[in-house]
């Protein structure tokens, strides 16, 4: 032995022997390292892998009726009110087949209006032919060929409209100074020159050749005469209504007397044709300025769009004997072309001073061909032209000109808003048609219309003399009426913002404002209803629906806080107060539906279901509260929770005060005292405790706990104590059954486990989850119960370890192990070690029990250190150590049997280095390792 020791240590040996001893020691250390690696490999091969154990674990769960599973947190499906359902396509609406649900006669009249509008287009064409417009309208209205022919005949039989030229005289700039003070007193005279009469007017001034604004050379004398024969646009009634306004502009301004050279005026021209009176309109006089501003509107009748011209002169006014308004109003007595020409010559002379008959007060003129006006109108600066070489002209005038029509076919219709209502219906028809053609969700439609539809709508606006404000009003009313088919609130917000920006007082008449007010009332009612049902209409787990809710609130806020809303619907409640009231009303309606949905013969079961539904609504606070807070500046969570809390207290008071044996109070008392075998009453009471605790958890920090809420604590403490005792019994029974039904699991080629660890680990996790949700009012009782729960978990783990090790022993892993272990036994060994390791890891429950948080709460309440933490952690550490020792001992038995064999082969390797090659001597060691 001493020699062997000396061989191993290398003492008192020659050099060669010492080298051999060194190799032996190196081989021995290598073998030891391999054994350690093998041991570590067995323990480190337990990598947790998520497995589906539904089928394997179902028998274990059913053994106790799912006792532990029922205390898990409820899923979202369990907390849904039956009304919280949506249709197909994830709540999005599509229009697959267009059906215009309107009166057939009304739709036919509207289609005739479209055909009439197309037939009498005004303005320059935009490249879309009438045939294309008719084809589109026929498709949009769903009109057959025979119906189209019949309705087209109706449109052709209607009287053609009267074309009107609207002129908005805005301002002029850089005019010539005609007065000695360096300024002028400019005014304008304008009218429509009939194209078929231009050549019949005799010359009253010298003939000059110049260039018009259109770039064509014209006879200046004829142009001046054409101006003198301008035909007015208003009927006698209209002119009478305008005369006071003109008198207000001109009254007392001019005092030069105007008279004819022969003192008489003819009533007929040389051809005997009667000329309408009041053919020219004049603006007001702007005193002492070279940059006058008028902002005055005029309207003229156009006989022939293709030939008529618009002409306007600007003159400097001299205030002496008679005002220009007197001269203009004397047109009531003028008839005939020659008399009209002589009259305008006198008007021109009336603008000159008596002392300087040769002075020229003409400031410039413009001539515009009406057929060149686009349908959208034109607003631009026009350069002033000379009327002769003697004229000194400079500057520009800014005009806005557009065409409109007046229809005589509806003269017996008393509805002043007929054009507006027809325009609204047209927008609806075209929008619905485009949505159905695109196949998109209605909510994705943002008002895009093709060129054909836009042309029809534009022509209808022009011919109906609808302003931009009217167009926006019609768009708002058309699209807001489509809310029932889920039109986008973002789109409505865009239209409403434009409408409010364009609105100004006195632009819309009373009837239009009343119509808009009705639309606002309808939209406001729609939004109120949507807020009441927002949990169903705007689901908290759908981001696009939450964005839709936000857009609806923005649109409602924009409407209610605008001056337009105040004008149409005065004396309304503020936006914030309205939203707060609707949230409170919504919470009340939800509580009523939840109570109806939770109806149960068992009062405890009904209370549990009601609390689950309330918690479901409260769990959505984080989704809804930021929206209402940022847009409406109201605390959604506080308002809704306060309403839930108030109604819940009323319900509980009503139930608890009842003396009926089947009511809630009696059921709760029975649950705390009865020793039922199935523990159903106790389980229900524990779930009520969980639900009520969760409900109180949604309180804001500034909301205090009610005194009556603490009265529940005594009852729940008793129930929790009973639950802890029941857990111990049910847990041991389930662990035993899990070992009995143990089934091998092989997730990968290297890792082997069995089903029992899954059941045990899951059971431990459920116990910890349930305990962490419990709130014990008595601090000392909480420590005792917590220690019991932890102790039970540790005992269950130790019981499970002993159970599966006993099963391993019964399989043959006991006594003196043979050198070569069967593969089946080795698989059972690996599964046993892995199962113990997984259970050992599941005992690390410190963070799940929130010890640090509970210790700080305990110390702040009881004002002394929490010694119980060390006791509980000591219990967990001891359990962990026990399972680790069992793993080490079991692995040691497997690896210990190999040590003699390893020493033998190492000894031969060290003592016969020259007898055989190193590779051959080391092969037995590698074979053992590989086996």
Foldseek 3Di string as FASTA:
>chain_A
DVVVVCLLVVPPDDPVSSVLNVLLVVLVVVLVVLLVVVLVLLQVLQDDDDDDCCPLCVVLCVVQPNLLVLLDDDDLVLQDQPLQDADPPVNFFACQDDDDPDDPVVLLVLLLVLLLLLVQFAFDDDPQHSVNLNVVSCVLSVPDPVSSVVSNVVSVPFDRWWKKKKKFFFKWADWAADDPVRFFFKKKKKAKQAQVCLVVFDFPDDWDWDAALVGDIDTLRSVVLSRLQGAFADDPVVVVVCVVVVCVQWPLQAADDFAFPVRDADQEAPVRDGGDFLRMDMFHIHPGHRMDTGRDMGMHTHPDLQGMKMKMWMFTADHDGHILSVLSVCSVVHIYSVRSSRSVVRSQQSRDDPVCSPRGGTAFMHMGRRNNAGQVWDWDWGFGDDSHPVDDYGITTTMTMHMETDGPSCVVPPDPCPLLVSLLVLLLSQLSSVSNVVRDGQQPDQSDGDPSSVSSSSSSCRHSVNDPLSNLLSVLLNQLVCVVSPHALLSSLVSVVVNLVPDDPPPDDPVSLLVSLVSLVVLVVVLLVCLLVVCSQQPLVDPVSLVSNLSSLQSNQSLQPGVSNCVSPNDDDHSLVSSLVSLLNSLVVQLVSQLVSLDDQQQLSSLLSSLSNVLSVLVSLVRNQVSCCVRSVDRSLQSSLVSVVVVVVVVVVVQCPDPDCRTDVVLLVCLLPDPDPSSPSLSSLLSSQLSVLSSVVSDDPPDDDDPVVCVCQVSVLSSLVVVLVVLLVSLLVSLVVLLVSWDWDDPDPSAIAIRSLVSNLVSLVSLLSSLLSHDHPDPVSNLVSVLSSLLSNLVSLVVNLVSLVVVLVVVPLDDQDDLDDDPVSVSSLSRSSSSLSSSLVSLPCCVSNVVVVVQVVCCVVVVDGDPSVVVSVVSNVVSSVVSVVSSVVSSCSVSVNCVVVSSVLSVVCSPCPPVDPNVVSCVVVVVSSVD
